[in-house]
Protein backbone atom coordinates (compact mmCIF):
# COMPACT_ATOMS: atom_id res chain seq x y z
CA MET A 1 -23.91 19.49 6.99
CA PRO A 2 -24.94 20.53 3.47
CA SER A 3 -26.17 24.03 2.78
CA LEU A 4 -26.61 26.36 -0.17
CA GLU A 5 -23.22 27.87 0.60
CA ARG A 6 -21.42 24.52 0.73
CA GLU A 7 -23.02 23.46 -2.54
CA SER A 8 -21.34 26.31 -4.43
CA HIS A 9 -18.30 25.82 -6.65
CA ARG A 10 -16.23 28.57 -5.07
CA ILE A 11 -12.76 28.31 -3.53
CA VAL A 12 -11.11 31.05 -1.50
CA ILE A 13 -7.33 31.01 -1.15
CA ALA A 14 -6.53 33.31 1.76
CA GLY A 15 -2.84 34.13 1.57
CA ALA A 16 -2.74 33.78 -2.20
CA SER A 17 0.49 35.76 -2.66
CA SER A 18 2.52 33.35 -0.49
CA LEU A 19 4.64 30.58 -1.97
CA LEU A 20 2.20 28.03 -0.55
CA GLY A 21 -0.77 29.93 -1.93
CA ALA A 22 0.71 30.11 -5.42
CA GLU A 23 1.66 26.42 -5.41
CA LEU A 24 -1.77 25.41 -4.12
CA LYS A 25 -3.54 27.44 -6.80
CA SER A 26 -1.40 25.84 -9.49
CA LEU A 27 -2.17 22.33 -8.24
CA LEU A 28 -5.90 23.05 -7.89
CA GLU A 29 -5.96 24.24 -11.49
CA GLU A 30 -4.54 20.86 -12.53
CA SER A 31 -7.14 18.95 -10.51
CA LYS A 32 -10.87 18.36 -10.77
CA PHE A 33 -11.35 21.86 -9.33
CA ALA A 34 -9.91 23.52 -12.43
CA ALA A 35 -13.29 24.89 -13.53
CA TRP A 36 -14.24 26.20 -10.08
CA ASP A 37 -14.38 29.88 -9.20
CA PHE A 38 -11.18 31.00 -7.43
CA GLN A 39 -11.20 33.98 -5.10
CA LEU A 40 -7.65 35.16 -4.27
CA VAL A 41 -7.28 37.29 -1.14
CA ASP A 42 -4.43 38.34 1.12
CA GLU A 43 -3.13 40.91 3.56
CA GLU A 44 -3.10 44.58 2.60
CA VAL A 45 0.57 44.56 1.62
CA ALA A 46 -0.18 42.05 -1.18
CA VAL A 47 -3.47 43.54 -2.35
CA GLY A 48 -3.41 44.54 -6.01
CA THR A 49 -0.79 42.00 -7.01
CA LEU A 50 -1.45 40.83 -10.56
CA THR A 51 -1.54 37.06 -11.00
CA GLU A 52 -3.72 34.62 -12.91
CA ALA A 53 -6.44 32.11 -12.17
CA ALA A 54 -7.79 29.49 -14.57
CA GLY A 55 -5.65 31.01 -17.31
CA GLU A 56 -7.13 34.48 -16.90
CA PRO A 57 -5.55 37.60 -15.33
CA ALA A 58 -6.53 38.01 -11.68
CA VAL A 59 -5.79 40.57 -9.00
CA ILE A 60 -5.34 39.64 -5.35
CA GLN A 61 -8.10 41.29 -3.34
CA PRO A 62 -8.41 42.35 0.31
CA VAL A 63 -10.65 40.46 2.70
CA GLU A 64 -13.95 42.31 2.90
CA GLU A 65 -17.40 41.67 4.28
CA GLY A 66 -18.84 38.79 2.30
CA THR A 67 -15.47 37.51 1.00
CA PHE A 68 -16.10 33.99 2.32
CA GLU A 69 -19.84 33.81 1.63
CA ARG A 70 -21.02 30.94 -0.57
CA SER A 71 -17.54 29.43 -0.58
CA HIS A 72 -17.26 25.65 -0.47
CA LEU A 73 -13.57 25.50 0.46
CA VAL A 74 -11.34 28.05 2.16
CA PHE A 75 -7.58 27.47 2.23
CA PHE A 76 -5.44 29.54 4.61
CA THR A 77 -1.91 29.68 3.21
CA GLY A 78 -0.57 32.92 4.68
CA SER A 79 0.67 33.88 8.12
CA PRO A 80 -0.93 32.51 11.31
CA GLN A 81 -1.92 36.05 12.21
CA PHE A 82 -3.82 36.46 8.93
CA THR A 83 -5.58 33.13 9.52
CA ARG A 84 -6.53 34.13 13.07
CA ALA A 85 -7.99 37.42 11.85
CA ASN A 86 -10.26 35.73 9.30
CA LEU A 87 -11.05 32.31 10.76
CA VAL A 88 -14.37 33.32 12.33
CA ALA A 89 -15.67 34.86 9.10
CA ALA A 90 -14.74 31.74 7.12
CA HIS A 91 -16.38 29.51 9.73
CA GLN A 92 -19.57 31.59 9.75
CA ALA A 93 -19.76 31.17 5.97
CA ASN A 94 -20.11 27.41 6.59
CA ALA A 95 -17.11 26.66 4.40
CA ALA A 96 -14.82 23.68 4.86
CA ILE A 97 -11.60 25.23 6.16
CA VAL A 98 -8.14 23.84 5.33
CA ASP A 99 -5.31 25.47 7.26
CA LEU A 100 -1.70 25.33 6.03
CA SER A 101 -0.53 28.27 8.15
CA GLY A 102 0.10 26.31 11.34
CA LEU A 103 -2.38 28.25 13.45
CA MET A 104 -4.64 25.31 14.33
CA ASP A 105 -2.00 23.22 16.12
CA TYR A 106 0.15 25.95 17.67
CA PRO A 107 0.27 27.53 20.18
CA MET A 108 -2.85 25.62 21.18
CA LYS A 109 -4.61 22.92 19.21
CA HIS A 110 -7.99 24.06 17.89
CA PRO A 111 -10.68 21.86 19.47
CA PHE A 112 -12.40 21.15 16.15
CA ALA A 113 -9.32 20.78 13.95
CA VAL A 114 -8.55 17.46 12.26
CA GLU A 115 -4.94 16.77 11.25
CA TRP A 116 -4.64 15.22 7.83
CA PHE A 117 -2.11 14.16 5.24
CA LEU A 118 -2.40 11.34 2.72
CA GLY A 119 -1.68 8.03 4.42
CA LEU A 120 -2.06 9.25 8.02
CA ASP A 121 -5.25 7.22 8.59
CA LYS A 122 -3.54 4.03 7.44
CA LEU A 123 -0.48 4.70 9.58
CA ARG A 124 -2.53 5.33 12.71
CA ASP A 125 -5.14 2.71 11.84
CA VAL A 126 -7.80 5.27 12.72
CA ALA A 127 -10.09 6.93 10.18
CA SER A 128 -10.09 10.73 10.31
CA ARG A 129 -13.38 12.59 10.57
CA MET A 130 -14.44 13.93 7.20
CA ASP A 131 -17.41 15.94 8.47
CA GLY A 132 -15.56 18.48 10.59
CA PRO A 133 -15.38 22.22 9.89
CA ILE A 134 -11.59 22.63 10.10
CA TYR A 135 -8.67 20.57 8.77
CA THR A 136 -4.96 21.15 9.19
CA ILE A 137 -2.19 20.19 6.79
CA PRO A 138 1.09 19.92 8.73
CA SER A 139 4.37 21.36 7.51
CA ALA A 140 6.65 19.18 5.40
CA ALA A 141 8.96 18.70 8.40
CA ALA A 142 6.08 17.42 10.52
CA ILE A 143 4.71 15.16 7.77
CA ALA A 144 8.15 13.59 7.26
CA THR A 145 8.80 13.15 11.00
CA SER A 146 5.35 11.71 11.70
CA THR A 147 5.46 9.36 8.72
CA LEU A 148 8.84 7.98 9.73
CA ALA A 149 7.80 7.54 13.37
CA LEU A 150 4.56 5.76 12.51
CA ALA A 151 6.29 3.61 9.88
CA LEU A 152 8.70 2.32 12.52
CA ALA A 153 5.94 1.49 15.03
CA SER A 154 5.80 -2.15 13.93
CA LEU A 155 9.54 -2.51 14.57
CA GLY A 156 9.29 -1.69 18.26
CA LEU A 157 10.19 2.00 18.06
CA LYS A 158 11.50 3.05 21.47
CA ASN A 159 12.95 6.44 20.70
CA LEU A 160 13.23 8.77 17.71
CA VAL A 161 15.26 11.98 17.53
CA VAL A 162 14.88 14.10 14.39
CA THR A 163 16.76 17.20 13.28
CA CYS A 164 15.00 19.11 10.51
CA PHE A 165 16.95 21.54 8.31
CA GLN A 166 14.78 24.48 7.31
CA SER A 167 15.30 26.46 4.11
CA VAL A 168 14.70 30.20 3.86
CA SER A 169 11.58 29.74 1.71
CA GLU A 170 9.71 29.00 4.95
CA ALA A 171 9.84 32.80 5.38
CA GLY A 172 8.39 33.32 1.91
CA ARG A 173 9.75 35.33 -0.98
CA ALA A 174 11.30 37.85 1.41
CA GLY A 175 13.39 35.06 2.94
CA ILE A 176 14.57 33.89 -0.49
CA GLU A 177 15.49 37.44 -1.50
CA GLU A 178 17.42 37.98 1.74
CA LEU A 179 19.53 34.83 1.29
CA GLU A 180 20.21 35.82 -2.32
CA SER A 181 21.23 39.36 -1.41
CA GLN A 182 23.36 38.27 1.57
CA THR A 183 25.21 35.74 -0.59
CA SER A 184 25.99 38.42 -3.17
CA GLN A 185 27.01 40.95 -0.51
CA LEU A 186 29.34 38.53 1.28
CA LEU A 187 31.02 37.49 -1.96
CA SER A 188 31.56 41.20 -2.66
CA PHE A 189 32.95 41.76 0.87
CA GLN A 190 30.03 44.00 1.83
CA SER A 191 28.07 44.07 5.08
CA VAL A 192 24.79 42.14 4.83
CA GLY A 193 21.23 43.30 5.22
CA LYS A 194 19.14 41.40 7.79
CA PRO A 195 15.53 42.71 7.72
CA VAL A 196 13.90 39.26 7.66
CA PHE A 197 16.12 37.04 9.80
CA ASP A 198 18.15 39.60 11.78
CA ALA A 199 21.10 37.24 11.28
CA GLN A 200 23.57 36.16 8.62
CA VAL A 201 21.75 33.23 7.04
CA ALA A 202 24.05 32.94 4.02
CA PHE A 203 26.79 30.33 4.49
CA SER A 204 25.55 29.69 8.05
CA LEU A 205 23.89 26.86 9.94
CA LEU A 206 21.90 28.35 12.84
CA ASP A 207 19.72 27.15 15.69
CA ARG A 208 18.13 30.60 16.07
CA PHE A 209 17.72 33.91 14.25
CA GLY A 210 18.22 37.41 15.66
CA GLY A 211 15.81 38.89 18.17
CA ALA A 212 14.16 41.09 15.53
CA ALA A 213 13.52 38.26 13.03
CA SER A 214 10.08 38.40 11.44
CA ARG A 215 9.66 34.64 11.89
CA PRO A 216 11.73 33.36 14.84
CA LEU A 217 13.14 29.88 14.37
CA GLU A 218 11.94 29.01 17.86
CA GLU A 219 8.34 29.53 16.73
CA THR A 220 8.81 27.19 13.77
CA ARG A 221 10.34 24.60 16.08
CA LYS A 222 7.37 24.79 18.44
CA ARG A 223 4.95 24.54 15.53
CA VAL A 224 6.60 21.40 14.10
CA ARG A 225 6.67 19.75 17.53
CA ALA A 226 2.98 20.53 18.05
CA GLU A 227 2.07 19.15 14.62
CA VAL A 228 4.03 15.95 15.21
CA LYS A 229 2.39 15.50 18.60
CA ALA A 230 -1.06 15.82 17.04
CA CYS A 231 -0.24 13.45 14.16
CA VAL A 232 1.37 10.56 16.02
CA ALA A 233 -1.05 10.82 18.96
CA GLU A 234 -0.47 7.82 21.27
CA LYS A 235 0.50 5.41 18.49
CA VAL A 236 4.26 5.69 19.14
CA PRO A 237 6.54 7.46 21.60
CA ARG A 238 6.55 11.12 20.65
CA PRO A 239 9.64 11.98 18.57
CA ALA A 240 12.08 14.59 19.86
CA VAL A 241 12.35 17.28 17.20
CA GLN A 242 14.93 19.99 16.55
CA VAL A 243 14.70 22.55 13.73
CA VAL A 244 17.76 24.39 12.47
CA HIS A 245 18.37 26.83 9.64
CA ALA A 246 20.15 25.63 6.49
CA PRO A 247 21.47 28.21 3.98
CA VAL A 248 19.46 26.88 1.02
CA PHE A 249 16.50 28.32 -0.85
CA TYR A 250 14.03 25.42 -0.92
CA GLY A 251 13.37 22.06 0.65
CA THR A 252 13.23 20.38 4.05
CA MET A 253 15.97 17.90 4.90
CA PHE A 254 16.08 15.76 8.01
CA SER A 255 18.44 13.51 9.92
CA ALA A 256 16.94 10.98 12.33
CA CYS A 257 18.22 8.47 14.85
CA ALA A 258 15.83 5.68 15.88
CA GLU A 259 16.11 3.03 18.56
CA LEU A 260 14.28 -0.13 17.47
CA ASP A 261 14.01 -3.74 18.58
CA ARG A 262 17.41 -5.41 18.38
CA GLY A 263 16.07 -7.89 15.85
CA ALA A 264 15.13 -5.23 13.29
CA THR A 265 17.01 -5.59 10.01
CA CYS A 266 17.65 -3.14 7.21
CA GLN A 267 15.19 -5.02 5.00
CA ASN A 268 12.52 -4.90 7.73
CA ILE A 269 13.00 -1.16 7.98
CA LEU A 270 12.94 -0.65 4.21
CA ASP A 271 9.71 -2.64 3.89
CA ALA A 272 8.04 -0.65 6.69
CA CYS A 273 9.12 2.67 5.21
CA LYS A 274 7.99 1.74 1.70
CA ASN A 275 4.59 0.63 3.05
CA ALA A 276 4.28 4.04 4.70
CA GLY A 277 4.75 5.76 1.35
CA LEU A 278 8.36 6.84 1.77
CA VAL A 279 10.43 6.62 -1.42
CA ILE A 280 13.78 4.90 -0.89
CA THR A 281 16.62 6.17 -3.06
CA GLU A 282 19.43 4.06 -4.44
CA GLU A 283 22.35 3.43 -2.09
CA ASP A 284 24.64 5.67 -4.14
CA GLN A 285 22.08 8.50 -4.31
CA SER A 286 21.44 10.78 -1.36
CA PRO A 287 18.12 12.64 -1.02
CA SER A 288 18.57 16.41 -1.07
CA ASN A 289 16.64 19.63 -1.43
CA VAL A 290 17.50 19.44 -5.14
CA SER A 291 16.34 15.84 -5.68
CA VAL A 292 12.91 16.53 -4.13
CA ALA A 293 12.22 19.83 -5.89
CA GLY A 294 8.75 19.65 -7.41
CA GLU A 295 8.07 16.21 -5.92
CA ASN A 296 5.08 15.32 -3.73
CA VAL A 297 6.84 12.44 -1.94
CA ILE A 298 9.32 12.12 0.92
CA GLN A 299 12.64 10.65 -0.17
CA LEU A 300 14.65 8.50 2.24
CA ALA A 301 18.15 7.09 1.97
CA VAL A 302 18.84 3.47 2.88
CA PRO A 303 19.14 3.49 6.71
CA GLU A 304 22.48 2.78 8.34
CA PRO A 305 23.04 0.96 11.65
CA GLU A 306 24.88 2.70 14.49
CA PRO A 307 27.86 0.46 15.36
CA ALA A 308 28.04 1.70 18.96
CA HIS A 309 24.46 0.71 19.84
CA VAL A 310 22.73 -2.42 18.54
CA GLY A 311 19.18 -1.62 17.42
CA THR A 312 19.94 2.04 16.69
CA TRP A 313 19.63 3.28 13.10
CA TRP A 314 20.41 6.49 11.24
CA PHE A 315 18.07 7.98 8.61
CA TRP A 316 18.48 10.80 6.09
CA GLY A 317 15.64 12.22 4.01
CA ALA A 318 14.23 15.22 2.20
CA ALA A 319 10.93 16.71 1.03
CA ASP A 320 9.78 19.74 -0.94
CA ASN A 321 8.61 22.12 1.80
CA ILE A 322 6.18 23.94 -0.51
CA ARG A 323 4.94 21.21 -2.84
CA LEU A 324 4.32 18.50 -0.23
CA PRO A 325 1.82 20.37 2.00
CA ALA A 326 0.11 22.01 -1.00
CA TRP A 327 -0.30 18.63 -2.73
CA ASN A 328 -1.74 17.11 0.44
CA ALA A 329 -4.20 20.00 0.70
CA VAL A 330 -5.48 19.20 -2.81
CA LYS A 331 -5.79 15.49 -1.94
CA LEU A 332 -7.81 16.44 1.14
CA ALA A 333 -10.07 18.68 -0.94
CA GLU A 334 -10.73 15.77 -3.29
CA LYS A 335 -11.86 13.69 -0.32
CA LEU A 336 -14.08 16.46 1.02
CA VAL A 337 -15.70 16.98 -2.39
CA PRO A 338 -16.12 13.46 -3.89
């Protein structure tokens, strides 16, 4: 549905001060959109932050009347609440909306939203609509889980259980600062501050944060499950997903257990995973949050059979939780603007 607004060369990044927003801007500036006009906006607490766009100093602005007018692309990279508050204005501006905040799939899937990440169409053997008003880029945990599940479809996948290990950067810079300060405080035998997580996240594996956490782990878990459900659709049995906290700064790691046809071999599995775009590491190299830092791929270790149950296999993998969704958002933009 072309219009004067959609023909403009203007991109709005709503949530520009977030880690995702900063990564997305950097990747857009390295793409064919480098010469486009970038409008950086965010919530009041981030307004006035000095950054740069296209090599020039830029200040993050508040959302005002007319912020989204004549924009071709609008990326939401902040909190779901910020996306919800500004979605109508972006839609009325006739912009193509790309959501990385998780709002569109949770708590209720938006009726016009199209899930997308590079390779999803091939995995589902169904072409995604490219004329819709709203697109969602799943979290790295959901992309990894969905890719693995769909890759194993040809091997008679019966059941898949995935545990995703979430780093503190999912809570943004405040989460990173809290882990850093807690680590220092504990090593100095001091009591720890807990304004973000309301829990000791340093040196701890947790299945939940404190009741006053700014971003409850339960909400992240529900979001990832909703995203996976939307991505795999009816192609394979829906994976069971757990999300736990890992005391690391960046990255998403995952452990998975899959029940396949008894005749599936390690080579069959490797071929299917490689065809799905997963990068298999050497047998003596384990994927980690360090090995995937700055990478736009999902790394996977060579799967191992479970001796107690024939046809059951263990998987271990990792992805950059900031880079992977941001990179997919740029790839989607390149499809929307040929």
